[in-house]
Amino acid sequence: VMTGTFSGGTVSGLTHLDGDFYIEQSGWIIMDGEISPDGNDYYFVNAHFSGGAVPDRSDIGIARKSGSAFNKYANSETLMASVNTDRCLEYAPSISSDGLELYFTRLKLCPLTSEILVAKRASTLDPFGAPERIGAISGFSEAPSITADDNTLYYHMKDNGIYTIYKVSR
């Protein structure tokens, strides 16, 4: 994962994002990531590929900023226990401005379907609860992105062979 400064339409000062959230084994990559609006947490996706176009596994984790690095929360697996599954792929995290709502994509492999879910928690110290599907979204949709005011959710969906950006609002 790289980081840099975006200004005037260009990115400068590219550097490797330091941290202990990487899995340093063959086949593992960071597939997605989002830094929280306050800049302190990094929601990342560890994904494992073994030769196919779709990962064998992908799970969302959380790392906390420490100096210039992001290090995995010691209880990241506990915080995400209701979000990640063994049978599906979870990816494309988007966190609300208060850190209490996590929007993400869940891909079911057999049959191949996707859904956009939201998992909520009472405080940023608590684990996320059981995810719920966003009922207003149907079809093969992916990659939610919540706005800073937490009122609009953008996502994409393949429509007649073309990826199109859609939105839903509260």
Protein backbone atom coordinates (compact mmCIF):
# COMPACT_ATOMS: atom_id res chain seq x y z
CA VAL A 1 0.00 0.00 0.00
CA MET A 2 1.32 3.41 -0.96
CA THR A 3 0.58 6.81 0.52
CA GLY A 4 1.24 10.31 -0.75
CA THR A 5 0.07 13.91 -0.78
CA PHE A 6 -2.68 14.85 -3.23
CA SER A 7 -2.65 18.50 -4.26
CA GLY A 8 -3.55 20.35 -7.44
CA GLY A 9 -4.54 17.14 -9.22
CA THR A 10 -1.25 15.31 -8.62
CA VAL A 11 0.17 12.96 -6.02
CA SER A 12 3.64 13.59 -4.64
CA GLY A 13 5.86 12.09 -1.97
CA LEU A 14 4.80 8.49 -2.57
CA THR A 15 5.96 6.14 0.18
CA HIS A 16 5.12 2.67 1.42
CA LEU A 17 2.47 2.68 4.16
CA ASP A 18 4.18 1.14 7.16
CA GLY A 19 2.46 -1.18 9.61
CA ASP A 20 2.00 -4.74 10.77
CA PHE A 21 -1.29 -5.38 8.92
CA TYR A 22 0.42 -7.07 5.96
CA ILE A 23 0.51 -10.87 5.75
CA GLU A 24 4.03 -11.57 4.51
CA GLN A 25 3.26 -14.89 2.78
CA SER A 26 2.88 -15.84 -0.86
CA GLY A 27 -0.54 -15.08 -2.32
CA TRP A 28 -1.59 -12.43 0.24
CA ILE A 29 -2.26 -8.82 -0.75
CA ILE A 30 -4.00 -5.79 0.69
CA MET A 31 -6.99 -5.68 -1.65
CA ASP A 32 -8.83 -2.62 -0.28
CA GLY A 33 -8.41 -0.02 2.38
CA GLU A 34 -9.85 3.15 3.84
CA ILE A 35 -8.50 5.53 6.43
CA SER A 36 -11.12 6.80 8.87
CA PRO A 37 -12.18 10.45 8.55
CA ASP A 38 -10.20 11.37 11.68
CA GLY A 39 -7.06 9.78 10.15
CA ASN A 40 -6.45 7.43 13.10
CA ASP A 41 -7.76 4.07 11.87
CA TYR A 42 -7.05 2.08 8.72
CA TYR A 43 -9.69 -0.43 7.61
CA PHE A 44 -7.86 -2.90 5.39
CA VAL A 45 -8.66 -6.12 3.54
CA ASN A 46 -6.22 -9.03 3.61
CA ALA A 47 -7.00 -11.16 0.55
CA HIS A 48 -5.44 -14.44 -0.52
CA PHE A 49 -5.16 -15.43 -4.18
CA SER A 50 -4.05 -18.88 -5.32
CA GLY A 51 -4.21 -18.40 -9.09
CA GLY A 52 -7.79 -17.43 -9.87
CA ALA A 53 -9.32 -14.05 -10.60
CA VAL A 54 -11.26 -14.11 -7.31
CA PRO A 55 -9.56 -14.45 -3.92
CA ASP A 56 -9.86 -17.64 -1.89
CA ARG A 57 -10.31 -15.52 1.23
CA SER A 58 -10.71 -11.87 2.12
CA ASP A 59 -11.35 -10.35 5.51
CA ILE A 60 -11.57 -6.82 6.87
CA GLY A 61 -9.30 -5.74 9.73
CA ILE A 62 -8.54 -2.54 11.62
CA ALA A 63 -5.17 -0.92 12.34
CA ARG A 64 -4.47 2.14 14.52
CA LYS A 65 -2.08 4.95 13.63
CA SER A 66 1.10 4.92 15.68
CA GLY A 67 3.56 7.58 14.51
CA SER A 68 3.75 7.12 10.74
CA ALA A 69 2.65 3.46 10.81
CA PHE A 70 -0.68 1.69 11.15
CA ASN A 71 -0.54 -1.31 13.47
CA LYS A 72 -3.27 -3.87 13.78
CA TYR A 73 -5.51 -3.60 16.81
CA ALA A 74 -4.66 -6.50 19.14
CA ASN A 75 -8.39 -7.33 19.15
CA SER A 76 -9.02 -6.67 15.43
CA GLU A 77 -10.42 -10.19 14.90
CA THR A 78 -12.81 -9.72 17.85
CA LEU A 79 -13.94 -6.29 16.62
CA MET A 80 -14.67 -7.82 13.18
CA ALA A 81 -15.97 -11.25 14.28
CA SER A 82 -19.55 -10.54 13.14
CA VAL A 83 -18.38 -9.01 9.85
CA ASN A 84 -15.93 -11.62 8.52
CA THR A 85 -17.05 -15.12 7.53
CA ASP A 86 -15.29 -18.29 6.44
CA ARG A 87 -17.68 -18.97 3.57
CA CYS A 88 -17.83 -15.52 1.90
CA LEU A 89 -15.47 -12.73 0.89
CA GLU A 90 -15.74 -9.43 2.76
CA TYR A 91 -14.11 -6.36 1.21
CA ALA A 92 -14.46 -2.68 0.23
CA PRO A 93 -14.86 -1.22 3.74
CA SER A 94 -16.23 2.30 4.25
CA ILE A 95 -16.49 3.68 7.78
CA SER A 96 -18.92 6.37 8.94
CA SER A 97 -17.62 9.68 10.24
CA ASP A 98 -18.19 8.63 13.88
CA GLY A 99 -16.70 5.14 13.40
CA LEU A 100 -19.92 3.41 14.46
CA GLU A 101 -21.14 2.12 11.08
CA LEU A 102 -19.10 -0.03 8.72
CA TYR A 103 -20.37 -0.45 5.16
CA PHE A 104 -18.83 -3.24 3.07
CA THR A 105 -19.36 -5.77 0.29
CA ARG A 106 -19.94 -9.46 0.93
CA LEU A 107 -19.44 -11.78 -2.03
CA LYS A 108 -21.03 -15.21 -1.90
CA LEU A 109 -19.24 -17.65 -4.20
CA CYS A 110 -21.86 -20.34 -4.76
CA PRO A 111 -24.00 -19.08 -6.35
CA LEU A 112 -22.05 -15.93 -7.19
CA THR A 113 -23.93 -13.03 -5.60
CA SER A 114 -22.96 -9.84 -3.82
CA GLU A 115 -24.60 -7.57 -1.32
CA ILE A 116 -23.77 -4.36 0.48
CA LEU A 117 -24.11 -4.58 4.23
CA VAL A 118 -23.81 -2.30 7.24
CA ALA A 119 -22.57 -3.41 10.66
CA LYS A 120 -23.10 -1.10 13.64
CA ARG A 121 -21.62 -0.75 17.09
CA ALA A 122 -22.40 1.33 20.19
CA SER A 123 -18.90 2.78 20.62
CA THR A 124 -15.56 2.64 18.79
CA LEU A 125 -14.28 0.28 21.50
CA ASP A 126 -17.05 -2.28 20.86
CA PRO A 127 -17.12 -5.04 18.23
CA PHE A 128 -19.38 -4.51 15.24
CA GLY A 129 -22.75 -6.24 15.49
CA ALA A 130 -24.42 -8.56 13.00
CA PRO A 131 -24.40 -6.98 9.53
CA GLU A 132 -27.65 -6.07 7.81
CA ARG A 133 -28.19 -5.84 4.07
CA ILE A 134 -28.99 -2.38 2.68
CA GLY A 135 -32.52 -3.15 1.46
CA ALA A 136 -32.66 -0.36 -1.11
CA ILE A 137 -29.75 -1.93 -3.06
CA SER A 138 -30.29 -4.95 -5.29
CA GLY A 139 -28.33 -6.66 -8.05
CA PHE A 140 -24.62 -7.40 -8.20
CA SER A 141 -23.46 -4.31 -6.32
CA GLU A 142 -20.07 -3.56 -4.75
CA ALA A 143 -17.78 -0.99 -3.16
CA PRO A 144 -19.90 1.20 -0.90
CA SER A 145 -18.61 4.65 0.02
CA ILE A 146 -20.40 6.67 2.70
CA THR A 147 -20.29 10.47 2.52
CA ALA A 148 -18.85 12.63 5.33
CA ASP A 149 -22.36 13.59 6.52
CA ASP A 150 -23.29 9.85 6.63
CA ASN A 151 -26.47 10.49 4.60
CA THR A 152 -25.52 9.24 1.12
CA LEU A 153 -24.01 5.91 0.14
CA TYR A 154 -22.40 5.52 -3.28
CA TYR A 155 -21.70 2.10 -4.84
CA HIS A 156 -21.16 0.57 -8.24
CA MET A 157 -23.05 -2.06 -10.16
CA LYS A 158 -22.58 -3.63 -13.57
CA ASP A 159 -25.49 -2.49 -15.70
CA ASN A 160 -25.75 -3.90 -19.26
CA GLY A 161 -22.01 -4.67 -19.24
CA ILE A 162 -20.98 -1.23 -17.96
CA TYR A 163 -20.04 -0.37 -14.39
CA THR A 164 -22.23 2.49 -13.21
CA ILE A 165 -22.11 4.48 -9.96
CA TYR A 166 -25.36 4.62 -8.02
CA LYS A 167 -26.39 6.19 -4.74
CA VAL A 168 -28.92 5.71 -1.97
CA SER A 169 -29.78 8.21 0.74
CA ARG A 170 -31.16 8.04 4.25
